[in-house]
All heavy atoms as atom14 arrays in JSON, in Angstrom:
{
  "sequence": "VMHAGVAAAILGVLAVISATVAVTWIGLRFSMVGPMMVADGKF",
  "atom14_mask": [
    [1, 1, 1, 1, 1, 1, 1, 0, 0, 0, 0, 0, 0, 0],
    [1, 1, 1, 1, 1, 1, 1, 1, 0, 0, 0, 0, 0, 0],
    [1, 1, 1, 1, 1, 1, 1, 1, 1, 1, 0, 0, 0, 0],
    [1, 1, 1, 1, 1, 0, 0, 0, 0, 0, 0, 0, 0, 0],
    [1, 1, 1, 1, 0, 0, 0, 0, 0, 0, 0, 0, 0, 0],
    [1, 1, 1, 1, 1, 1, 1, 0, 0, 0, 0, 0, 0, 0],
    [1, 1, 1, 1, 1, 0, 0, 0, 0, 0, 0, 0, 0, 0],
    [1, 1, 1, 1, 1, 0, 0, 0, 0, 0, 0, 0, 0, 0],
    [1, 1, 1, 1, 1, 0, 0, 0, 0, 0, 0, 0, 0, 0],
    [1, 1, 1, 1, 1, 1, 1, 1, 0, 0, 0, 0, 0, 0],
    [1, 1, 1, 1, 1, 1, 1, 1, 0, 0, 0, 0, 0, 0],
    [1, 1, 1, 1, 0, 0, 0, 0, 0, 0, 0, 0, 0, 0],
    [1, 1, 1, 1, 1, 1, 1, 0, 0, 0, 0, 0, 0, 0],
    [1, 1, 1, 1, 1, 1, 1, 1, 0, 0, 0, 0, 0, 0],
    [1, 1, 1, 1, 1, 0, 0, 0, 0, 0, 0, 0, 0, 0],
    [1, 1, 1, 1, 1, 1, 1, 0, 0, 0, 0, 0, 0, 0],
    [1, 1, 1, 1, 1, 1, 1, 1, 0, 0, 0, 0, 0, 0],
    [1, 1, 1, 1, 1, 1, 0, 0, 0, 0, 0, 0, 0, 0],
    [1, 1, 1, 1, 1, 0, 0, 0, 0, 0, 0, 0, 0, 0],
    [1, 1, 1, 1, 1, 1, 1, 0, 0, 0, 0, 0, 0, 0],
    [1, 1, 1, 1, 1, 1, 1, 0, 0, 0, 0, 0, 0, 0],
    [1, 1, 1, 1, 1, 0, 0, 0, 0, 0, 0, 0, 0, 0],
    [1, 1, 1, 1, 1, 1, 1, 0, 0, 0, 0, 0, 0, 0],
    [1, 1, 1, 1, 1, 1, 1, 0, 0, 0, 0, 0, 0, 0],
    [1, 1, 1, 1, 1, 1, 1, 1, 1, 1, 1, 1, 1, 1],
    [1, 1, 1, 1, 1, 1, 1, 1, 0, 0, 0, 0, 0, 0],
    [1, 1, 1, 1, 0, 0, 0, 0, 0, 0, 0, 0, 0, 0],
    [1, 1, 1, 1, 1, 1, 1, 1, 0, 0, 0, 0, 0, 0],
    [1, 1, 1, 1, 1, 1, 1, 1, 1, 1, 1, 0, 0, 0],
    [1, 1, 1, 1, 1, 1, 1, 1, 1, 1, 1, 0, 0, 0],
    [1, 1, 1, 1, 1, 1, 0, 0, 0, 0, 0, 0, 0, 0],
    [1, 1, 1, 1, 1, 1, 1, 1, 0, 0, 0, 0, 0, 0],
    [1, 1, 1, 1, 1, 1, 1, 0, 0, 0, 0, 0, 0, 0],
    [1, 1, 1, 1, 0, 0, 0, 0, 0, 0, 0, 0, 0, 0],
    [1, 1, 1, 1, 1, 1, 1, 0, 0, 0, 0, 0, 0, 0],
    [1, 1, 1, 1, 1, 1, 1, 1, 0, 0, 0, 0, 0, 0],
    [1, 1, 1, 1, 1, 1, 1, 1, 0, 0, 0, 0, 0, 0],
    [1, 1, 1, 1, 1, 1, 1, 0, 0, 0, 0, 0, 0, 0],
    [1, 1, 1, 1, 1, 0, 0, 0, 0, 0, 0, 0, 0, 0],
    [1, 1, 1, 1, 1, 1, 1, 1, 0, 0, 0, 0, 0, 0],
    [1, 1, 1, 1, 0, 0, 0, 0, 0, 0, 0, 0, 0, 0],
    [1, 1, 1, 1, 1, 1, 1, 1, 1, 0, 0, 0, 0, 0],
    [1, 1, 1, 1, 1, 1, 1, 1, 1, 1, 1, 0, 0, 0]
  ],
  "atom14_positions": [
    [[-40.66, 28.77, 133.25], [-41.78, 29.24, 132.45], [-41.72, 28.65, 131.05], [-42.75, 28.33, 130.43], [-41.8, 30.78, 132.39], [-42.79, 31.28, 131.34], [-42.15, 31.36, 133.75], [0.0, 0.0, 0.0], [0.0, 0.0, 0.0], [0.0, 0.0, 0.0], [0.0, 0.0, 0.0], [0.0, 0.0, 0.0], [0.0, 0.0, 0.0], [0.0, 0.0, 0.0]],
    [[-40.49, 28.49, 130.55], [-40.32, 27.9, 129.2], [-40.35, 26.37, 129.25], [-39.97, 25.71, 128.3], [-39.0, 28.39, 128.6], [-38.99, 29.88, 128.29], [-37.5, 30.42, 127.44], [-36.26, 30.14, 128.69], [0.0, 0.0, 0.0], [0.0, 0.0, 0.0], [0.0, 0.0, 0.0], [0.0, 0.0, 0.0], [0.0, 0.0, 0.0], [0.0, 0.0, 0.0]],
    [[-40.76, 25.82, 130.42], [-40.89, 24.37, 130.6], [-39.55, 23.65, 130.44], [-39.5, 22.51, 129.98], [-41.92, 23.78, 129.62], [-43.27, 24.45, 129.71], [-44.12, 24.23, 130.76], [-43.89, 25.33, 128.89], [-45.22, 24.94, 130.59], [-45.11, 25.63, 129.46], [0.0, 0.0, 0.0], [0.0, 0.0, 0.0], [0.0, 0.0, 0.0], [0.0, 0.0, 0.0]],
    [[-38.47, 24.34, 130.8], [-37.14, 23.72, 130.78], [-36.75, 23.41, 132.22], [-35.82, 24.01, 132.78], [-36.12, 24.64, 130.11], [0.0, 0.0, 0.0], [0.0, 0.0, 0.0], [0.0, 0.0, 0.0], [0.0, 0.0, 0.0], [0.0, 0.0, 0.0], [0.0, 0.0, 0.0], [0.0, 0.0, 0.0], [0.0, 0.0, 0.0], [0.0, 0.0, 0.0]],
    [[-37.51, 22.49, 132.82], [-37.31, 22.19, 134.24], [-35.95, 21.61, 134.54], [-35.32, 21.95, 135.55], [0.0, 0.0, 0.0], [0.0, 0.0, 0.0], [0.0, 0.0, 0.0], [0.0, 0.0, 0.0], [0.0, 0.0, 0.0], [0.0, 0.0, 0.0], [0.0, 0.0, 0.0], [0.0, 0.0, 0.0], [0.0, 0.0, 0.0], [0.0, 0.0, 0.0]],
    [[-35.44, 20.72, 133.66], [-34.13, 20.12, 133.89], [-33.04, 21.18, 133.84], [-32.14, 21.21, 134.69], [-33.87, 19.02, 132.84], [-32.45, 18.47, 133.01], [-34.88, 17.9, 132.98], [0.0, 0.0, 0.0], [0.0, 0.0, 0.0], [0.0, 0.0, 0.0], [0.0, 0.0, 0.0], [0.0, 0.0, 0.0], [0.0, 0.0, 0.0], [0.0, 0.0, 0.0]],
    [[-33.11, 22.08, 132.84], [-32.12, 23.14, 132.73], [-32.19, 24.06, 133.94], [-31.15, 24.52, 134.45], [-32.34, 23.93, 131.44], [0.0, 0.0, 0.0], [0.0, 0.0, 0.0], [0.0, 0.0, 0.0], [0.0, 0.0, 0.0], [0.0, 0.0, 0.0], [0.0, 0.0, 0.0], [0.0, 0.0, 0.0], [0.0, 0.0, 0.0], [0.0, 0.0, 0.0]],
    [[-33.4, 24.34, 134.42], [-33.55, 25.2, 135.6], [-32.9, 24.55, 136.83], [-32.21, 25.22, 137.62], [-35.02, 25.47, 135.85], [0.0, 0.0, 0.0], [0.0, 0.0, 0.0], [0.0, 0.0, 0.0], [0.0, 0.0, 0.0], [0.0, 0.0, 0.0], [0.0, 0.0, 0.0], [0.0, 0.0, 0.0], [0.0, 0.0, 0.0], [0.0, 0.0, 0.0]],
    [[-33.13, 23.23, 137.0], [-32.54, 22.53, 138.15], [-31.02, 22.52, 138.06], [-30.32, 22.76, 139.06], [-33.08, 21.11, 138.2], [0.0, 0.0, 0.0], [0.0, 0.0, 0.0], [0.0, 0.0, 0.0], [0.0, 0.0, 0.0], [0.0, 0.0, 0.0], [0.0, 0.0, 0.0], [0.0, 0.0, 0.0], [0.0, 0.0, 0.0], [0.0, 0.0, 0.0]],
    [[-30.49, 22.26, 136.85], [-29.03, 22.24, 136.67], [-28.45, 23.62, 136.96], [-27.41, 23.75, 137.64], [-28.68, 21.79, 135.24], [-29.06, 20.32, 135.06], [-27.19, 21.99, 134.97], [-28.87, 19.82, 133.64], [0.0, 0.0, 0.0], [0.0, 0.0, 0.0], [0.0, 0.0, 0.0], [0.0, 0.0, 0.0], [0.0, 0.0, 0.0], [0.0, 0.0, 0.0]],
    [[-29.11, 24.68, 136.47], [-28.63, 26.03, 136.72], [-28.61, 26.34, 138.21], [-27.67, 26.94, 138.73], [-29.51, 27.04, 135.98], [-29.16, 28.52, 136.2], [-27.74, 28.82, 135.74], [-30.16, 29.42, 135.49], [0.0, 0.0, 0.0], [0.0, 0.0, 0.0], [0.0, 0.0, 0.0], [0.0, 0.0, 0.0], [0.0, 0.0, 0.0], [0.0, 0.0, 0.0]],
    [[-29.68, 25.94, 138.91], [-29.73, 26.19, 140.35], [-28.62, 25.49, 141.1], [-27.97, 26.08, 141.97], [0.0, 0.0, 0.0], [0.0, 0.0, 0.0], [0.0, 0.0, 0.0], [0.0, 0.0, 0.0], [0.0, 0.0, 0.0], [0.0, 0.0, 0.0], [0.0, 0.0, 0.0], [0.0, 0.0, 0.0], [0.0, 0.0, 0.0], [0.0, 0.0, 0.0]],
    [[-28.37, 24.22, 140.75], [-27.3, 23.46, 141.42], [-25.94, 24.08, 141.12], [-25.1, 24.25, 142.02], [-27.34, 21.98, 140.99], [-26.11, 21.24, 141.52], [-28.62, 21.32, 141.48], [0.0, 0.0, 0.0], [0.0, 0.0, 0.0], [0.0, 0.0, 0.0], [0.0, 0.0, 0.0], [0.0, 0.0, 0.0], [0.0, 0.0, 0.0], [0.0, 0.0, 0.0]],
    [[-25.7, 24.41, 139.85], [-24.42, 25.02, 139.48], [-24.23, 26.36, 140.17], [-23.1, 26.71, 140.56], [-24.35, 25.2, 137.96], [-24.21, 23.92, 137.13], [-24.21, 24.24, 135.64], [-22.92, 23.17, 137.5], [0.0, 0.0, 0.0], [0.0, 0.0, 0.0], [0.0, 0.0, 0.0], [0.0, 0.0, 0.0], [0.0, 0.0, 0.0], [0.0, 0.0, 0.0]],
    [[-25.31, 27.12, 140.33], [-25.2, 28.42, 141.0], [-24.8, 28.24, 142.46], [-23.94, 28.97, 142.98], [-26.54, 29.15, 140.91], [0.0, 0.0, 0.0], [0.0, 0.0, 0.0], [0.0, 0.0, 0.0], [0.0, 0.0, 0.0], [0.0, 0.0, 0.0], [0.0, 0.0, 0.0], [0.0, 0.0, 0.0], [0.0, 0.0, 0.0], [0.0, 0.0, 0.0]],
    [[-25.4, 27.24, 143.13], [-25.05, 26.99, 144.53], [-23.6, 26.55, 144.66], [-22.85, 27.03, 145.53], [-26.0, 25.94, 145.13], [-25.52, 25.51, 146.52], [-27.42, 26.47, 145.2], [0.0, 0.0, 0.0], [0.0, 0.0, 0.0], [0.0, 0.0, 0.0], [0.0, 0.0, 0.0], [0.0, 0.0, 0.0], [0.0, 0.0, 0.0], [0.0, 0.0, 0.0]],
    [[-23.16, 25.64, 143.79], [-21.78, 25.15, 143.84], [-20.8, 26.28, 143.55], [-19.8, 26.45, 144.26], [-21.58, 24.0, 142.84], [-22.42, 22.79, 143.25], [-20.11, 23.61, 142.74], [-22.39, 21.64, 142.25], [0.0, 0.0, 0.0], [0.0, 0.0, 0.0], [0.0, 0.0, 0.0], [0.0, 0.0, 0.0], [0.0, 0.0, 0.0], [0.0, 0.0, 0.0]],
    [[-21.11, 27.09, 142.53], [-20.22, 28.19, 142.16], [-20.12, 29.21, 143.29], [-19.02, 29.71, 143.6], [-20.72, 28.87, 140.88], [-20.75, 27.96, 139.8], [0.0, 0.0, 0.0], [0.0, 0.0, 0.0], [0.0, 0.0, 0.0], [0.0, 0.0, 0.0], [0.0, 0.0, 0.0], [0.0, 0.0, 0.0], [0.0, 0.0, 0.0], [0.0, 0.0, 0.0]],
    [[-21.25, 29.53, 143.91], [-21.24, 30.49, 145.01], [-20.43, 29.96, 146.19], [-19.66, 30.71, 146.82], [-22.67, 30.81, 145.43], [0.0, 0.0, 0.0], [0.0, 0.0, 0.0], [0.0, 0.0, 0.0], [0.0, 0.0, 0.0], [0.0, 0.0, 0.0], [0.0, 0.0, 0.0], [0.0, 0.0, 0.0], [0.0, 0.0, 0.0], [0.0, 0.0, 0.0]],
    [[-20.59, 28.67, 146.5], [-19.84, 28.08, 147.6], [-18.34, 28.11, 147.33], [-17.54, 28.46, 148.22], [-20.29, 26.63, 147.83], [-21.71, 26.61, 148.09], [-19.55, 26.01, 149.0], [0.0, 0.0, 0.0], [0.0, 0.0, 0.0], [0.0, 0.0, 0.0], [0.0, 0.0, 0.0], [0.0, 0.0, 0.0], [0.0, 0.0, 0.0], [0.0, 0.0, 0.0]],
    [[-17.94, 27.77, 146.12], [-16.52, 27.79, 145.75], [-15.97, 29.2, 145.83], [-14.87, 29.43, 146.35], [-16.33, 27.21, 144.33], [-14.89, 27.42, 143.85], [-16.67, 25.71, 144.32], [0.0, 0.0, 0.0], [0.0, 0.0, 0.0], [0.0, 0.0, 0.0], [0.0, 0.0, 0.0], [0.0, 0.0, 0.0], [0.0, 0.0, 0.0], [0.0, 0.0, 0.0]],
    [[-16.73, 30.17, 145.31], [-16.27, 31.56, 145.3], [-16.09, 32.1, 146.73], [-15.07, 32.72, 147.04], [-17.25, 32.43, 144.53], [0.0, 0.0, 0.0], [0.0, 0.0, 0.0], [0.0, 0.0, 0.0], [0.0, 0.0, 0.0], [0.0, 0.0, 0.0], [0.0, 0.0, 0.0], [0.0, 0.0, 0.0], [0.0, 0.0, 0.0], [0.0, 0.0, 0.0]],
    [[-17.08, 31.84, 147.59], [-17.0, 32.34, 148.97], [-15.83, 31.69, 149.7], [-15.08, 32.34, 150.44], [-18.33, 32.07, 149.71], [-18.17, 32.34, 151.21], [-19.44, 32.95, 149.13], [0.0, 0.0, 0.0], [0.0, 0.0, 0.0], [0.0, 0.0, 0.0], [0.0, 0.0, 0.0], [0.0, 0.0, 0.0], [0.0, 0.0, 0.0], [0.0, 0.0, 0.0]],
    [[-15.65, 30.38, 149.49], [-14.54, 29.67, 150.14], [-13.2, 30.2, 149.67], [-12.3, 30.45, 150.49], [-14.63, 28.16, 149.84], [-15.9, 27.66, 150.29], [-13.51, 27.4, 150.52], [0.0, 0.0, 0.0], [0.0, 0.0, 0.0], [0.0, 0.0, 0.0], [0.0, 0.0, 0.0], [0.0, 0.0, 0.0], [0.0, 0.0, 0.0], [0.0, 0.0, 0.0]],
    [[-13.05, 30.4, 148.37], [-11.78, 30.89, 147.82], [-11.47, 32.29, 148.32], [-10.34, 32.58, 148.75], [-11.84, 30.87, 146.29], [-10.57, 31.31, 145.63], [-9.36, 30.66, 145.61], [-10.36, 32.53, 144.9], [-8.44, 31.37, 144.91], [-9.02, 32.53, 144.46], [-11.19, 33.6, 144.58], [-8.48, 33.58, 143.71], [-10.67, 34.64, 143.82], [-9.32, 34.62, 143.4]],
    [[-12.45, 33.18, 148.32], [-12.23, 34.55, 148.81], [-11.88, 34.52, 150.3], [-10.98, 35.24, 150.75], [-13.48, 35.41, 148.55], [-13.67, 35.62, 147.05], [-13.36, 36.76, 149.26], [-14.97, 36.3, 146.68], [0.0, 0.0, 0.0], [0.0, 0.0, 0.0], [0.0, 0.0, 0.0], [0.0, 0.0, 0.0], [0.0, 0.0, 0.0], [0.0, 0.0, 0.0]],
    [[-12.59, 33.68, 151.06], [-12.28, 33.58, 152.48], [-10.87, 33.1, 152.75], [-10.18, 33.61, 153.65], [0.0, 0.0, 0.0], [0.0, 0.0, 0.0], [0.0, 0.0, 0.0], [0.0, 0.0, 0.0], [0.0, 0.0, 0.0], [0.0, 0.0, 0.0], [0.0, 0.0, 0.0], [0.0, 0.0, 0.0], [0.0, 0.0, 0.0], [0.0, 0.0, 0.0]],
    [[-10.4, 32.14, 151.96], [-9.04, 31.64, 152.13], [-8.01, 32.71, 151.76], [-6.97, 32.82, 152.42], [-8.83, 30.39, 151.27], [-9.61, 29.15, 151.71], [-9.48, 28.05, 150.67], [-9.15, 28.66, 153.08], [0.0, 0.0, 0.0], [0.0, 0.0, 0.0], [0.0, 0.0, 0.0], [0.0, 0.0, 0.0], [0.0, 0.0, 0.0], [0.0, 0.0, 0.0]],
    [[-8.28, 33.48, 150.73], [-7.34, 34.51, 150.31], [-7.22, 35.62, 151.36], [-6.16, 36.26, 151.48], [-7.75, 35.11, 148.96], [-7.68, 34.15, 147.79], [-6.26, 33.64, 147.57], [-5.31, 34.71, 147.33], [-5.06, 35.25, 146.14], [-5.72, 34.79, 145.06], [-4.17, 36.21, 146.01], [0.0, 0.0, 0.0], [0.0, 0.0, 0.0], [0.0, 0.0, 0.0]],
    [[-8.29, 35.84, 152.12], [-8.26, 36.87, 153.17], [-8.04, 36.26, 154.56], [-8.19, 36.95, 155.57], [-9.56, 37.67, 153.18], [-9.67, 38.66, 152.05], [-10.63, 38.5, 151.08], [-8.81, 39.75, 151.97], [-10.75, 39.41, 150.03], [-8.91, 40.66, 150.93], [-9.89, 40.49, 149.96], [0.0, 0.0, 0.0], [0.0, 0.0, 0.0], [0.0, 0.0, 0.0]],
    [[-7.66, 34.99, 154.63], [-7.55, 34.31, 155.92], [-6.39, 34.8, 156.77], [-6.34, 34.52, 157.97], [-7.42, 32.8, 155.69], [-6.24, 32.5, 154.93], [0.0, 0.0, 0.0], [0.0, 0.0, 0.0], [0.0, 0.0, 0.0], [0.0, 0.0, 0.0], [0.0, 0.0, 0.0], [0.0, 0.0, 0.0], [0.0, 0.0, 0.0], [0.0, 0.0, 0.0]],
    [[-5.44, 35.52, 156.19], [-4.29, 35.99, 156.95], [-4.5, 37.38, 157.54], [-3.6, 37.93, 158.17], [-3.05, 36.01, 156.05], [-2.58, 34.63, 155.59], [-2.04, 33.57, 156.96], [-3.36, 32.35, 156.97], [0.0, 0.0, 0.0], [0.0, 0.0, 0.0], [0.0, 0.0, 0.0], [0.0, 0.0, 0.0], [0.0, 0.0, 0.0], [0.0, 0.0, 0.0]],
    [[-5.67, 37.98, 157.31], [-5.91, 39.34, 157.8], [-5.77, 39.41, 159.32], [-5.09, 40.3, 159.85], [-7.31, 39.83, 157.36], [-7.67, 41.13, 158.08], [-7.35, 40.05, 155.85], [0.0, 0.0, 0.0], [0.0, 0.0, 0.0], [0.0, 0.0, 0.0], [0.0, 0.0, 0.0], [0.0, 0.0, 0.0], [0.0, 0.0, 0.0], [0.0, 0.0, 0.0]],
    [[-6.4, 38.49, 160.03], [-6.32, 38.5, 161.49], [-4.91, 38.34, 162.02], [-4.44, 39.17, 162.81], [0.0, 0.0, 0.0], [0.0, 0.0, 0.0], [0.0, 0.0, 0.0], [0.0, 0.0, 0.0], [0.0, 0.0, 0.0], [0.0, 0.0, 0.0], [0.0, 0.0, 0.0], [0.0, 0.0, 0.0], [0.0, 0.0, 0.0], [0.0, 0.0, 0.0]],
    [[-4.18, 37.29, 161.62], [-2.79, 37.16, 162.07], [-1.92, 38.36, 161.7], [-1.06, 38.76, 162.49], [-2.32, 35.89, 161.36], [-3.57, 35.08, 161.18], [-4.63, 36.09, 160.9], [0.0, 0.0, 0.0], [0.0, 0.0, 0.0], [0.0, 0.0, 0.0], [0.0, 0.0, 0.0], [0.0, 0.0, 0.0], [0.0, 0.0, 0.0], [0.0, 0.0, 0.0]],
    [[-2.13, 38.94, 160.52], [-1.31, 40.09, 160.12], [-1.55, 41.29, 161.03], [-0.62, 41.99, 161.42], [-1.61, 40.47, 158.66], [-1.18, 39.42, 157.65], [-1.65, 39.83, 155.96], [-0.22, 40.75, 155.45], [0.0, 0.0, 0.0], [0.0, 0.0, 0.0], [0.0, 0.0, 0.0], [0.0, 0.0, 0.0], [0.0, 0.0, 0.0], [0.0, 0.0, 0.0]],
    [[-2.82, 41.54, 161.39], [-3.13, 42.66, 162.28], [-2.56, 42.44, 163.67], [-2.04, 43.37, 164.29], [-4.64, 42.85, 162.35], [-5.27, 43.42, 161.1], [-7.01, 43.81, 161.38], [-7.47, 44.43, 159.76], [0.0, 0.0, 0.0], [0.0, 0.0, 0.0], [0.0, 0.0, 0.0], [0.0, 0.0, 0.0], [0.0, 0.0, 0.0], [0.0, 0.0, 0.0]],
    [[-2.67, 41.21, 164.17], [-2.13, 40.93, 165.5], [-0.6, 41.0, 165.48], [0.02, 41.4, 166.47], [-2.6, 39.55, 165.98], [-1.92, 39.14, 167.28], [-4.12, 39.55, 166.18], [0.0, 0.0, 0.0], [0.0, 0.0, 0.0], [0.0, 0.0, 0.0], [0.0, 0.0, 0.0], [0.0, 0.0, 0.0], [0.0, 0.0, 0.0], [0.0, 0.0, 0.0]],
    [[0.0, 40.64, 164.36], [1.46, 40.62, 164.28], [2.07, 41.99, 164.49], [3.06, 42.14, 165.21], [1.9, 40.04, 162.94], [0.0, 0.0, 0.0], [0.0, 0.0, 0.0], [0.0, 0.0, 0.0], [0.0, 0.0, 0.0], [0.0, 0.0, 0.0], [0.0, 0.0, 0.0], [0.0, 0.0, 0.0], [0.0, 0.0, 0.0], [0.0, 0.0, 0.0]],
    [[1.48, 43.04, 163.86], [2.09, 44.37, 163.98], [1.13, 45.45, 164.46], [1.51, 46.62, 164.56], [2.71, 44.81, 162.65], [1.7, 44.89, 161.52], [0.48, 44.8, 161.79], [2.11, 45.05, 160.35], [0.0, 0.0, 0.0], [0.0, 0.0, 0.0], [0.0, 0.0, 0.0], [0.0, 0.0, 0.0], [0.0, 0.0, 0.0], [0.0, 0.0, 0.0]],
    [[-0.13, 45.09, 164.76], [-1.08, 46.06, 165.28], [-1.58, 47.07, 164.27], [-2.2, 48.06, 164.65], [0.0, 0.0, 0.0], [0.0, 0.0, 0.0], [0.0, 0.0, 0.0], [0.0, 0.0, 0.0], [0.0, 0.0, 0.0], [0.0, 0.0, 0.0], [0.0, 0.0, 0.0], [0.0, 0.0, 0.0], [0.0, 0.0, 0.0], [0.0, 0.0, 0.0]],
    [[-1.35, 46.82, 162.98], [-1.77, 47.76, 161.94], [-2.88, 47.15, 161.09], [-3.13, 45.95, 161.14], [-0.58, 48.14, 161.06], [0.55, 48.82, 161.81], [1.72, 49.12, 160.87], [2.87, 49.79, 161.62], [4.02, 50.06, 160.73], [0.0, 0.0, 0.0], [0.0, 0.0, 0.0], [0.0, 0.0, 0.0], [0.0, 0.0, 0.0], [0.0, 0.0, 0.0]],
    [[-3.52, 48.03, 160.3], [-4.6, 47.58, 159.44], [-4.03, 46.88, 158.2], [-3.12, 47.38, 157.55], [-5.45, 48.77, 159.0], [-6.57, 48.38, 158.06], [-7.74, 47.84, 158.54], [-6.43, 48.55, 156.68], [-8.77, 47.48, 157.69], [-7.45, 48.19, 155.82], [-8.63, 47.66, 156.33], [0.0, 0.0, 0.0], [0.0, 0.0, 0.0], [0.0, 0.0, 0.0]]
  ]
}
C-alpha cells in the first residue's frame, strides 16, 4: 500500500526462508521421539 514493492517482496521471501529453517530445525530436534518411544515403550 505504501508502494514499497521491493521491500514487500524481500519480506515475503525472508519469511518463507525463515519459516522453512524454523520448521526444519524443530523437526530435527524432535527427530528422536519415535526411536525413543520404541526403545522403551514410554512417552
